Amino acid sequence: MKKETRRCITELVLGFLVTAAVTAMILFWQYETYQENLASRARLLLAENPAEEVFQILKEDGDLNTEEVQDILGDYGYEHVRDSLEGQRFLRNCGWTAGGAVALYLGYAAVVFYEKHRHKKEMEEQSKKAADGIARIREGDYRQDLMDWYEEEESEDRILDELDSLGNYVEMMEAQAQQEKQETKTLVTDISHQLKTPVAALNSCFEVLKNEDLTKDERREFEGRLEEQMQSLGQLVEALVNISRMETGMIELKLTEGRIFDVILEAVNRVWVKAQKKEIEIEMEAEDKLEDLILPLDSKWLCEALVNLLDNAVKYSPPGTTVTIRAARMASFLRIEIQDQGIGIARENYHKVFQRFYRGDEKEVQKEEGSGVGLYLARKIIEGHHGTISLDGKKMKKEKGSVFVVQIPYR
């Protein structure tokens, strides 16, 4: 049995019970009144002094029981209810009461059936509109004017709201899919462009090495260049793979409780040899409590981000300078500064350095090996830690070099 039908039957049964109970109470009250009137007439028939008896009746004193009343009235020929005017009036009132109750219940039942029919029609209309709306969404019409579907805001169903939300969600998903498709095309184009230069250099070296007339020194020189290009290509491929895996969601950062000091120390150790070759000092300024600070982090990838920042600092700084790491606990986050004394960054390029494959036009930048993916990858990793990475423009105005600021929240 359908829920609506059960509900309708329940309403009809409850209505019948209430009507029957009220009708029974009215009939009982009418019967009591009838019996009281009969008792009063019986007492008058027996009274020697009718005037005195009327006075006693008005005082409601000394009523007779039902059997006595019937015996007295029977002696005078009033054996049935219809034999007296009072009985006829009682029967007539009972008939009107019962008829009114039946009419009232039938009216109530009619209203219940009408409401059931009206609600069914509304549901059918709503279902039809919802089906039409879903069909239009399937055809690509995600923006529909659903306000006309409401009639004076009487509908309490959420189906149209949900349909509107579904249309917006599908539209958002389609836009996101288009964006991801475009980003994938851009990524493939950028990777192809980045690979062209080292691959072309390798081809040139191979072509030259095929020449049998090369001297040993010349061959050794081109073999050295070939080795350098192979190393550069390997680094580029590794960076490109990390970026593509990060952007396609293949790399998922797994944040667990860990000591940030260990991560910073590991990053410094990985660039220490390169810094030593250029006679660059790496100094660290941190408060004592930093060694015990626990953060939610992915130690592997956060270390990779810090290595990229330190590697850039060493790469673009002249020999004999210093790279300084500062770490301090703020109210709700850890602030890490990496400051170098290198070539610096032009203010108009502050927002560009974190873009994928961006490299500055300065000759100092162009002469160094690089693909422009380190800072971009660092930004993606820091954002995966719910943090931020930026440049401290105020310090960079006053001092030579660059100052990168990483902020990572902690609980």
Protein backbone atom coordinates (compact mmCIF):
# COMPACT_ATOMS: atom_id res chain seq x y z
CA MET A 1 0.00 0.00 0.00
CA LYS A 2 1.35 3.41 -0.96
CA LYS A 3 2.28 5.88 1.71
CA GLU A 4 -0.27 8.45 0.47
CA THR A 5 -3.09 5.87 0.55
CA ARG A 6 -2.20 4.78 4.09
CA ARG A 7 -2.12 8.39 5.17
CA CYS A 8 -5.54 9.02 3.59
CA ILE A 9 -7.11 5.98 5.30
CA THR A 10 -5.60 7.05 8.64
CA GLU A 11 -7.10 10.54 8.28
CA LEU A 12 -10.54 9.09 7.41
CA VAL A 13 -10.49 6.69 10.37
CA LEU A 14 -9.39 9.41 12.78
CA GLY A 15 -12.08 11.73 11.42
CA PHE A 16 -14.73 9.02 11.85
CA LEU A 17 -13.68 8.30 15.43
CA VAL A 18 -13.69 11.99 16.40
CA THR A 19 -17.08 12.56 14.74
CA ALA A 20 -18.55 9.46 16.39
CA ALA A 21 -17.22 10.46 19.81
CA VAL A 22 -18.61 14.01 19.59
CA THR A 23 -21.97 12.73 18.27
CA ALA A 24 -22.23 10.18 21.10
CA MET A 25 -21.60 12.89 23.67
CA ILE A 26 -24.31 15.11 22.17
CA LEU A 27 -26.82 12.22 22.03
CA PHE A 28 -26.03 11.27 25.63
CA TRP A 29 -26.61 14.87 26.73
CA GLN A 30 -29.93 14.95 24.83
CA TYR A 31 -30.99 11.66 26.40
CA GLU A 32 -30.18 12.92 29.89
CA THR A 33 -32.24 16.06 29.23
CA TYR A 34 -35.12 13.90 27.96
CA GLN A 35 -35.03 11.71 31.07
CA GLU A 36 -35.00 14.76 33.35
CA ASN A 37 -38.01 16.22 31.58
CA LEU A 38 -39.92 12.90 31.88
CA ALA A 39 -39.11 12.70 35.58
CA SER A 40 -40.45 16.23 36.10
CA ARG A 41 -43.74 15.37 34.35
CA ALA A 42 -44.10 12.15 36.36
CA ARG A 43 -43.72 14.04 39.62
CA LEU A 44 -46.39 16.53 38.54
CA LEU A 45 -48.79 13.68 37.81
CA LEU A 46 -48.35 12.28 41.35
CA ALA A 47 -48.33 15.62 43.18
CA GLU A 48 -51.32 16.56 45.42
CA ASN A 49 -50.16 20.17 45.31
CA PRO A 50 -48.84 20.87 41.79
CA ALA A 51 -47.67 24.37 42.66
CA GLU A 52 -45.53 23.10 45.52
CA GLU A 53 -44.16 20.29 43.32
CA VAL A 54 -43.19 22.77 40.61
CA PHE A 55 -41.28 24.69 43.23
CA GLN A 56 -39.45 21.51 44.28
CA ILE A 57 -38.68 20.64 40.67
CA LEU A 58 -37.18 24.09 40.13
CA LYS A 59 -35.02 23.45 43.18
CA GLU A 60 -33.99 20.09 41.57
CA ASP A 61 -34.98 18.29 44.75
CA GLY A 62 -36.12 14.66 44.91
CA ASP A 63 -35.78 13.35 41.34
CA LEU A 64 -37.33 9.94 40.56
CA ASN A 65 -35.30 7.09 39.09
CA THR A 66 -35.91 5.82 35.56
CA GLU A 67 -38.00 2.78 36.55
CA GLU A 68 -40.31 4.86 38.72
CA VAL A 69 -40.82 7.37 35.92
CA GLN A 70 -41.67 4.62 33.40
CA ASP A 71 -44.17 3.04 35.86
CA ILE A 72 -45.90 6.36 36.53
CA LEU A 73 -46.10 7.38 32.86
CA GLY A 74 -47.23 3.86 31.88
CA ASP A 75 -50.24 4.20 34.18
CA TYR A 76 -51.30 7.21 32.09
CA GLY A 77 -50.75 5.50 28.71
CA TYR A 78 -47.23 6.84 27.88
CA GLU A 79 -45.55 3.49 27.23
CA HIS A 80 -43.36 4.40 24.21
CA VAL A 81 -41.08 7.30 23.41
CA ARG A 82 -43.34 8.53 20.61
CA ASP A 83 -46.36 8.60 22.91
CA SER A 84 -45.24 11.89 24.43
CA LEU A 85 -44.43 15.26 22.93
CA GLU A 86 -41.16 15.24 24.86
CA GLY A 87 -40.23 11.85 23.36
CA GLN A 88 -41.02 13.04 19.85
CA ARG A 89 -38.84 16.10 20.38
CA PHE A 90 -36.03 13.85 21.67
CA LEU A 91 -36.21 11.57 18.64
CA ARG A 92 -36.30 14.54 16.30
CA ASN A 93 -33.21 16.07 17.94
CA CYS A 94 -31.41 12.72 17.76
CA GLY A 95 -32.21 12.50 14.05
CA TRP A 96 -30.90 16.00 13.37
CA THR A 97 -27.76 15.30 15.41
CA ALA A 98 -27.04 12.01 13.61
CA GLY A 99 -27.78 13.54 10.21
CA GLY A 100 -25.53 16.51 10.96
CA ALA A 101 -22.75 14.19 12.07
CA VAL A 102 -23.03 12.12 8.87
CA ALA A 103 -23.05 15.25 6.72
CA LEU A 104 -20.09 16.67 8.58
CA TYR A 105 -18.10 13.44 8.20
CA LEU A 106 -18.94 13.18 4.50
CA GLY A 107 -17.79 16.77 4.04
CA TYR A 108 -14.58 15.99 5.88
CA ALA A 109 -14.03 12.87 3.75
CA ALA A 110 -14.65 14.93 0.60
CA VAL A 111 -12.02 17.44 1.69
CA VAL A 112 -9.53 14.63 2.42
CA PHE A 113 -10.09 13.05 -1.00
CA TYR A 114 -9.87 16.45 -2.70
CA GLU A 115 -6.58 17.25 -0.98
CA LYS A 116 -5.24 13.80 -1.90
CA HIS A 117 -6.23 14.33 -5.53
CA ARG A 118 -4.81 17.86 -5.59
CA HIS A 119 -1.54 16.73 -4.00
CA LYS A 120 -1.28 13.87 -6.49
CA LYS A 121 -1.79 16.29 -9.37
CA GLU A 122 0.86 18.64 -7.96
CA MET A 123 3.31 15.77 -7.55
CA GLU A 124 2.67 14.64 -11.12
CA GLU A 125 3.29 18.18 -12.37
CA GLN A 126 6.44 18.51 -10.25
CA SER A 127 7.70 15.14 -11.46
CA LYS A 128 7.03 16.10 -15.07
CA LYS A 129 8.85 19.40 -14.64
CA ALA A 130 11.74 17.68 -12.89
CA ALA A 131 11.96 15.08 -15.68
CA ASP A 132 11.89 17.86 -18.28
CA GLY A 133 14.59 19.74 -16.36
CA ILE A 134 16.83 16.68 -16.15
CA ALA A 135 16.34 16.08 -19.86
CA ARG A 136 17.34 19.69 -20.57
CA ILE A 137 20.42 19.30 -18.37
CA ARG A 138 21.33 16.18 -20.32
CA GLU A 139 21.02 18.23 -23.51
CA GLY A 140 23.41 20.85 -22.13
CA ASP A 141 20.99 23.49 -20.76
CA TYR A 142 22.48 23.91 -17.28
CA ARG A 143 21.06 27.38 -16.58
CA GLN A 144 17.29 27.07 -16.23
CA ASP A 145 14.84 29.61 -14.84
CA LEU A 146 13.27 27.47 -12.14
CA MET A 147 11.54 30.31 -10.30
CA ASP A 148 8.56 30.11 -12.69
CA TRP A 149 7.97 26.55 -11.57
CA TYR A 150 6.88 27.70 -8.13
CA GLU A 151 3.27 28.81 -7.74
CA GLU A 152 3.16 31.62 -5.21
CA GLU A 153 5.81 29.84 -3.17
CA GLU A 154 3.29 27.19 -2.03
CA SER A 155 5.44 24.19 -2.93
CA GLU A 156 7.48 22.84 -0.04
CA ASP A 157 9.24 20.16 -2.06
CA ARG A 158 12.99 20.49 -2.46
CA ILE A 159 13.13 18.68 -5.77
CA LEU A 160 13.35 21.87 -7.83
CA ASP A 161 16.03 23.30 -5.54
CA GLU A 162 17.99 20.09 -5.88
CA LEU A 163 17.51 20.17 -9.66
CA ASP A 164 18.80 23.72 -9.81
CA SER A 165 21.77 22.71 -7.68
CA LEU A 166 22.37 19.70 -9.94
CA GLY A 167 22.44 21.93 -13.00
CA ASN A 168 24.97 24.25 -11.39
CA TYR A 169 27.09 21.31 -10.27
CA VAL A 170 27.12 19.71 -13.73
CA GLU A 171 27.99 23.05 -15.28
CA MET A 172 30.84 23.49 -12.80
CA MET A 173 32.09 19.96 -13.51
CA GLU A 174 32.00 20.56 -17.25
CA ALA A 175 33.89 23.85 -16.85
CA GLN A 176 36.42 22.11 -14.60
CA ALA A 177 36.84 19.32 -17.16
CA GLN A 178 37.39 21.88 -19.91
CA GLN A 179 39.91 23.72 -17.74
CA GLU A 180 41.77 20.52 -16.94
CA LYS A 181 41.78 19.60 -20.62
CA GLN A 182 43.22 22.99 -21.51
CA GLU A 183 45.79 22.78 -18.71
CA THR A 184 46.83 19.33 -19.90
CA LYS A 185 47.29 20.63 -23.45
CA THR A 186 49.31 23.56 -22.12
CA LEU A 187 51.40 21.22 -19.97
CA VAL A 188 52.16 18.93 -22.92
CA THR A 189 53.07 21.95 -25.06
CA ASP A 190 55.33 23.37 -22.35
CA ILE A 191 57.04 20.02 -21.78
CA SER A 192 57.63 19.61 -25.50
CA HIS A 193 59.11 23.10 -25.67
CA GLN A 194 61.35 22.50 -22.66
CA LEU A 195 62.67 19.23 -24.08
CA LYS A 196 63.52 20.64 -27.49
CA THR A 197 66.63 22.58 -26.40
CA PRO A 198 68.50 19.79 -24.54
CA VAL A 199 67.49 17.19 -27.14
CA ALA A 200 68.76 19.44 -29.93
CA ALA A 201 72.03 19.97 -28.04
CA LEU A 202 72.44 16.22 -27.59
CA ASN A 203 71.85 15.62 -31.28
CA SER A 204 74.49 18.23 -32.14
CA CYS A 205 77.03 16.60 -29.82
CA PHE A 206 76.34 13.17 -31.31
CA GLU A 207 76.72 14.50 -34.84
CA VAL A 208 80.03 16.12 -33.98
CA LEU A 209 81.32 12.99 -32.25
CA LYS A 210 80.63 10.98 -35.39
CA ASN A 211 83.41 12.93 -37.08
CA GLU A 212 86.50 10.72 -37.11
CA ASP A 213 88.82 13.68 -37.68
CA LEU A 214 88.35 15.05 -34.15
CA THR A 215 91.41 15.26 -31.96
CA LYS A 216 91.43 13.65 -28.54
CA ASP A 217 91.05 17.03 -26.83
CA GLU A 218 88.12 18.00 -29.07
CA ARG A 219 86.46 14.61 -28.54
CA ARG A 220 86.98 14.90 -24.78
CA GLU A 221 85.46 18.40 -24.83
CA PHE A 222 82.32 17.27 -26.69
CA GLU A 223 82.00 14.20 -24.53
CA GLY A 224 82.05 16.54 -21.52
CA ARG A 225 79.36 18.68 -23.11
CA LEU A 226 77.34 15.54 -23.85
CA GLU A 227 77.59 14.47 -20.21
CA GLU A 228 76.47 17.91 -19.03
CA GLN A 229 73.50 17.87 -21.41
CA MET A 230 72.55 14.38 -20.27
CA GLN A 231 72.63 15.50 -16.63
CA SER A 232 70.57 18.58 -17.44
CA LEU A 233 68.10 16.49 -19.40
CA GLY A 234 67.80 14.03 -16.52
CA GLN A 235 67.11 16.84 -14.06
CA LEU A 236 64.58 18.41 -16.42
CA VAL A 237 62.77 15.11 -16.99
CA GLU A 238 62.62 14.47 -13.24
CA ALA A 239 61.21 17.96 -12.61
CA LEU A 240 58.67 17.60 -15.43
CA VAL A 241 57.56 14.20 -14.14
CA ASN A 242 57.06 15.63 -10.64
CA ILE A 243 55.04 18.55 -12.00
CA SER A 244 52.84 16.38 -14.22
CA ARG A 245 52.25 13.91 -11.39
CA MET A 246 51.45 16.74 -8.98
CA GLU A 247 48.99 18.43 -11.34
CA THR A 248 47.21 15.22 -12.31
CA GLY A 249 46.81 14.18 -8.68
CA MET A 250 49.14 11.19 -8.92
CA ILE A 251 51.21 12.67 -6.10
CA GLU A 252 49.15 12.93 -2.92
CA LEU A 253 50.75 14.67 0.00
CA LYS A 254 50.38 12.62 3.18
CA LEU A 255 50.61 14.96 6.14
CA THR A 256 51.76 13.31 9.35
CA GLU A 257 53.15 14.70 12.58
CA GLY A 258 56.89 15.36 12.18
CA ARG A 259 59.77 17.58 13.30
CA ILE A 260 60.22 20.53 10.96
CA PHE A 261 63.83 20.95 12.13
CA ASP A 262 64.74 17.56 10.63
CA VAL A 263 63.23 18.55 7.29
CA ILE A 264 65.16 21.84 7.18
CA LEU A 265 68.38 20.08 8.14
CA GLU A 266 67.90 17.48 5.37
CA ALA A 267 67.30 20.24 2.80
CA VAL A 268 70.50 22.06 3.87
CA ASN A 269 72.53 18.84 3.63
CA ARG A 270 71.32 18.25 0.07
CA VAL A 271 72.61 21.64 -1.16
CA TRP A 272 75.67 21.83 1.10
CA VAL A 273 78.13 20.42 -1.43
CA LYS A 274 76.97 22.79 -4.17
CA ALA A 275 77.27 25.74 -1.78
CA GLN A 276 80.76 24.68 -0.72
CA LYS A 277 81.94 24.58 -4.32
CA LYS A 278 80.93 28.25 -4.69
CA GLU A 279 82.28 29.12 -1.23
CA ILE A 280 78.82 30.14 -0.10
CA GLU A 281 78.01 29.90 3.60
CA ILE A 282 74.61 28.62 4.75
CA GLU A 283 73.63 30.06 8.11
CA MET A 284 70.58 29.31 10.19
CA GLU A 285 68.91 31.63 12.69
CA ALA A 286 66.22 29.85 14.66
CA GLU A 287 64.86 29.91 18.20
CA ASP A 288 65.81 27.04 20.50
CA LYS A 289 62.30 25.60 20.63
CA LEU A 290 62.31 24.97 16.88
CA GLU A 291 64.08 21.61 17.32
CA ASP A 292 61.05 20.25 19.18
CA LEU A 293 58.35 21.83 17.01
CA ILE A 294 55.96 19.24 15.54
CA LEU A 295 54.00 20.06 12.40
CA PRO A 296 51.60 18.14 10.13
CA LEU A 297 53.84 17.67 7.08
CA ASP A 298 54.98 15.39 4.29
CA SER A 299 58.68 15.31 5.05
CA LYS A 300 59.75 14.09 1.60
CA TRP A 301 57.94 16.70 -0.45
CA LEU A 302 58.37 19.59 1.98
CA CYS A 303 62.10 18.87 1.92
CA GLU A 304 61.94 18.95 -1.90
CA ALA A 305 60.31 22.40 -1.78
CA LEU A 306 62.98 23.78 0.59
CA VAL A 307 65.75 22.23 -1.53
CA ASN A 308 64.40 24.04 -4.59
CA LEU A 309 64.46 27.36 -2.70
CA LEU A 310 67.97 26.81 -1.33
CA ASP A 311 69.25 25.57 -4.70
CA ASN A 312 68.01 28.76 -6.36
CA ALA A 313 69.60 30.87 -3.64
CA VAL A 314 72.98 29.17 -4.17
CA LYS A 315 72.69 29.14 -7.95
CA TYR A 316 72.01 32.87 -8.35
CA SER A 317 74.41 34.13 -5.64
CA PRO A 318 78.05 35.11 -6.29
CA PRO A 319 80.89 33.21 -4.56
CA GLY A 320 81.81 34.26 -1.05
CA THR A 321 78.26 35.32 -0.06
CA THR A 322 75.87 33.93 2.57
CA VAL A 323 72.48 32.24 2.39
CA THR A 324 70.54 32.71 5.63
CA ILE A 325 67.68 30.57 6.88
CA ARG A 326 65.48 32.11 9.55
CA ALA A 327 62.72 30.18 11.32
CA ALA A 328 60.35 31.57 13.93
CA ARG A 329 57.11 30.46 15.53
CA MET A 330 54.28 32.95 15.08
CA ALA A 331 50.80 32.85 16.65
CA SER A 332 49.42 30.05 14.46
CA PHE A 333 52.08 29.30 11.88
CA LEU A 334 55.79 28.73 11.35
CA ARG A 335 57.58 31.40 9.32
CA ILE A 336 60.66 30.35 7.34
CA GLU A 337 62.76 32.93 5.51
CA ILE A 338 65.45 32.05 2.97
CA GLN A 339 67.56 35.10 2.14
CA ASP A 340 70.47 35.27 -0.31
CA GLN A 341 72.83 37.99 -1.49
CA GLY A 342 72.42 37.26 -5.16
CA ILE A 343 71.06 39.05 -8.24
CA GLY A 344 67.61 39.64 -6.76
CA ILE A 345 64.27 39.80 -8.57
CA ALA A 346 62.70 42.81 -10.28
CA ARG A 347 59.52 43.95 -8.54
CA GLU A 348 57.43 43.56 -11.69
CA ASN A 349 58.37 39.87 -11.75
CA TYR A 350 57.38 39.05 -8.17
CA HIS A 351 54.14 37.36 -9.28
CA LYS A 352 55.80 35.56 -12.21
CA VAL A 353 58.57 33.64 -10.48
CA PHE A 354 56.15 31.02 -9.12
CA GLN A 355 54.64 30.33 -12.54
CA ARG A 356 55.42 27.13 -14.37
CA PHE A 357 58.50 27.31 -16.66
CA TYR A 358 59.11 31.00 -15.95
CA ARG A 359 62.74 32.18 -16.08
CA GLY A 360 63.89 35.77 -15.88
CA ASP A 361 65.39 37.60 -18.84
CA GLU A 362 68.52 38.71 -16.96
CA LYS A 363 71.77 37.42 -18.41
CA GLU A 364 72.79 36.06 -15.00
CA VAL A 365 69.68 33.89 -15.06
CA GLN A 366 69.99 32.76 -18.65
CA LYS A 367 73.58 31.59 -18.29
CA GLU A 368 72.63 29.20 -15.47
CA GLU A 369 71.12 25.79 -16.11
CA GLY A 370 67.46 25.62 -15.23
CA SER A 371 63.98 24.86 -16.50
CA GLY A 372 61.85 27.27 -14.45
CA VAL A 373 59.98 24.55 -12.57
CA GLY A 374 61.65 24.62 -9.15
CA LEU A 375 59.74 27.54 -7.65
CA TYR A 376 56.50 26.39 -9.25
CA LEU A 377 56.86 22.94 -7.72
CA ALA A 378 57.77 24.51 -4.36
CA ARG A 379 54.58 26.60 -4.47
CA LYS A 380 52.40 23.56 -5.21
CA ILE A 381 53.98 21.61 -2.34
CA ILE A 382 53.64 24.49 0.16
CA GLU A 383 50.00 25.00 -0.84
CA GLY A 384 49.49 21.26 -0.29
CA HIS A 385 50.56 21.91 3.31
CA HIS A 386 47.87 24.64 3.55
CA GLY A 387 50.66 27.22 3.62
CA THR A 388 51.86 30.14 1.51
CA ILE A 389 55.06 31.16 -0.22
CA SER A 390 55.92 34.71 -1.22
CA LEU A 391 58.65 37.31 -1.56
CA ASP A 392 59.40 39.86 1.16
CA GLY A 393 59.39 43.02 -0.98
CA LYS A 394 60.18 45.35 1.93
CA LYS A 395 63.44 43.61 2.81
CA MET A 396 64.38 43.24 -0.84
CA LYS A 397 64.09 47.02 -1.25
CA LYS A 398 66.63 47.63 1.51
CA GLU A 399 69.01 44.70 1.03
CA LYS A 400 70.64 42.98 -1.91
CA GLY A 401 69.33 39.62 -3.03
CA SER A 402 66.04 37.77 -2.63
CA VAL A 403 64.01 36.88 0.45
CA PHE A 404 61.54 34.01 0.10
CA VAL A 405 58.99 33.57 2.89
CA VAL A 406 57.27 30.27 3.63
CA GLN A 407 54.43 30.13 6.16
CA ILE A 408 53.07 26.77 7.33
CA PRO A 409 50.20 26.58 9.86
CA TYR A 410 50.35 24.33 12.89
CA ARG A 411 47.87 23.27 15.55
